Amino acid sequence: MKGKMSTQMGNIVIDRDVLAKYAGTATMECIGIVGMSSVTVQDGVAKLLKVENAGRGVSLSIVNNKIRMDLHVIVAYGVSIRAVAHNVLENVKYKVEEFTGMEVESINVIVEGVRIIDED
C-alpha cells in the first residue's frame, strides 16, 4: 500500500520503498547504530546492510494512511540499547512525519545483533 495525501491541486502518492529507504537512512544517522539488518534473517545470522540498502532493514505498512514500521538494527557493543532505541524512535518518527506529512502510528526497534566497532 502507498501513502496518499490530497491537496488542492491533486494527489500525492508515496511508494512504500521510498518510505522504507528514508526511515532506514534516518535510523543509521543515530549514534550507537552500526547499521541495518536484513529483514529476512535466516539461521540466526544478522546480515549488515550498507547505507544504500538501508531500506531493506525496514518493514512497514500503511493502514488508514498511518505508518507502522519495524526497524531491524545492529547496535554498537557497549552502548545502552535502551538509550539507542529511544533515540531511534524519536529521530525516525520526527523525520518521517516531516518528510511525508503522514502520521507514524508505531515503530518497533528490533535489535538483530551487536557489533564491535573498529577504531582505526
Protein backbone atom coordinates (compact mmCIF):
# COMPACT_ATOMS: atom_id res chain seq x y z
CA MET A 1 0.00 0.00 0.00
CA LYS A 2 1.15 3.51 -0.73
CA GLY A 3 0.81 6.67 1.32
CA LYS A 4 -1.63 9.20 -0.10
CA MET A 5 -2.36 12.84 0.55
CA SER A 6 -4.83 15.10 -1.19
CA THR A 7 -4.10 18.75 -1.90
CA GLN A 8 -5.99 21.49 -3.70
CA MET A 9 -4.01 20.76 -6.85
CA GLY A 10 -4.20 16.97 -6.79
CA ASN A 11 -2.97 13.87 -5.00
CA ILE A 12 0.47 12.98 -3.67
CA VAL A 13 1.35 9.28 -3.59
CA ILE A 14 4.45 8.00 -1.76
CA ASP A 15 5.66 4.48 -2.51
CA ARG A 16 6.45 2.12 0.39
CA ASP A 17 10.03 1.64 -0.84
CA VAL A 18 10.65 5.39 -0.62
CA LEU A 19 9.35 5.45 2.96
CA ALA A 20 11.44 2.40 3.89
CA LYS A 21 14.65 3.84 2.46
CA TYR A 22 14.07 7.19 4.17
CA ALA A 23 13.33 5.52 7.53
CA GLY A 24 16.39 3.28 7.17
CA THR A 25 18.65 6.23 6.41
CA ALA A 26 17.23 8.20 9.37
CA THR A 27 17.88 5.17 11.59
CA MET A 28 21.50 4.86 10.51
CA GLU A 29 22.14 8.51 11.41
CA CYS A 30 21.56 7.69 15.09
CA ILE A 31 24.51 7.32 17.46
CA GLY A 32 25.03 3.72 18.54
CA ILE A 33 23.62 2.19 15.36
CA VAL A 34 26.20 0.20 13.39
CA GLY A 35 23.76 -0.50 10.58
CA MET A 36 20.54 -2.06 9.44
CA SER A 37 19.98 -5.79 9.30
CA SER A 38 18.23 -7.70 6.56
CA VAL A 39 14.58 -8.29 7.44
CA THR A 40 14.77 -11.88 6.23
CA VAL A 41 17.35 -13.06 8.76
CA GLN A 42 17.88 -16.81 8.45
CA ASP A 43 19.84 -19.19 10.68
CA GLY A 44 20.14 -16.51 13.37
CA VAL A 45 22.80 -14.57 11.42
CA ALA A 46 22.14 -10.85 11.04
CA LYS A 47 23.45 -9.50 7.73
CA LEU A 48 24.77 -5.96 7.99
CA LEU A 49 23.38 -3.83 5.16
CA LYS A 50 25.22 -0.96 3.51
CA VAL A 51 23.77 2.55 3.57
CA GLU A 52 22.37 2.29 0.05
CA ASN A 53 20.38 -0.81 1.10
CA ALA A 54 19.13 0.61 4.41
CA GLY A 55 15.50 0.32 3.29
CA ARG A 56 15.79 -3.47 3.24
CA GLY A 57 16.14 -3.36 7.04
CA VAL A 58 12.72 -1.75 7.37
CA SER A 59 9.38 -3.49 7.11
CA LEU A 60 6.45 -1.14 7.05
CA SER A 61 2.77 -1.00 6.38
CA ILE A 62 0.34 1.83 5.85
CA VAL A 63 -3.09 1.45 7.43
CA ASN A 64 -5.63 4.29 7.21
CA ASN A 65 -2.82 6.49 5.93
CA LYS A 66 -0.80 5.92 9.13
CA ILE A 67 2.65 4.35 9.01
CA ARG A 68 3.63 1.32 11.09
CA MET A 69 7.21 0.12 10.86
CA ASP A 70 9.70 -2.38 12.20
CA LEU A 71 13.35 -1.33 12.16
CA HIS A 72 15.85 -4.21 12.21
CA VAL A 73 19.11 -2.80 13.58
CA ILE A 74 22.59 -3.79 14.67
CA VAL A 75 23.91 -1.78 17.60
CA ALA A 76 27.44 -0.99 18.71
CA TYR A 77 28.90 -3.06 21.53
CA GLY A 78 28.95 -1.26 24.87
CA VAL A 79 26.13 1.20 24.27
CA SER A 80 22.86 1.32 26.15
CA ILE A 81 20.38 -0.46 23.89
CA ARG A 82 17.51 1.30 25.61
CA ALA A 83 19.02 4.76 25.03
CA VAL A 84 19.88 3.97 21.40
CA ALA A 85 16.39 2.58 20.71
CA HIS A 86 14.76 5.64 22.31
CA ASN A 87 16.91 7.93 20.14
CA VAL A 88 15.98 5.91 17.03
CA LEU A 89 12.26 6.12 17.85
CA GLU A 90 12.30 9.89 18.26
CA ASN A 91 14.58 10.62 15.30
CA VAL A 92 12.80 8.35 12.80
CA LYS A 93 9.30 9.43 13.87
CA TYR A 94 10.18 13.12 13.56
CA LYS A 95 11.99 12.79 10.22
CA VAL A 96 9.41 10.55 8.55
CA GLU A 97 6.50 12.74 9.67
CA GLU A 98 8.29 15.89 8.47
CA PHE A 99 9.26 14.25 5.17
CA THR A 100 5.85 12.78 4.34
CA GLY A 101 3.25 14.80 6.22
CA MET A 102 1.81 11.44 7.33
CA GLU A 103 1.41 10.21 10.91
CA VAL A 104 3.70 7.50 12.25
CA GLU A 105 1.45 5.29 14.33
CA SER A 106 4.05 2.85 15.67
CA ILE A 107 7.73 1.97 15.43
CA ASN A 108 9.26 -1.27 16.69
CA VAL A 109 13.04 -1.40 17.05
CA ILE A 110 14.27 -4.98 16.69
CA VAL A 111 17.91 -5.45 17.69
CA GLU A 112 19.23 -8.24 15.47
CA GLY A 113 22.83 -8.09 16.62
CA VAL A 114 25.70 -6.33 18.36
CA ARG A 115 28.98 -5.43 16.67
CA ILE A 116 32.29 -4.14 17.93
CA ILE A 117 33.26 -1.00 16.07
CA ASP A 118 36.85 -0.90 14.80
CA GLU A 119 38.50 2.37 15.79
CA ASP A 120 41.24 2.55 13.16
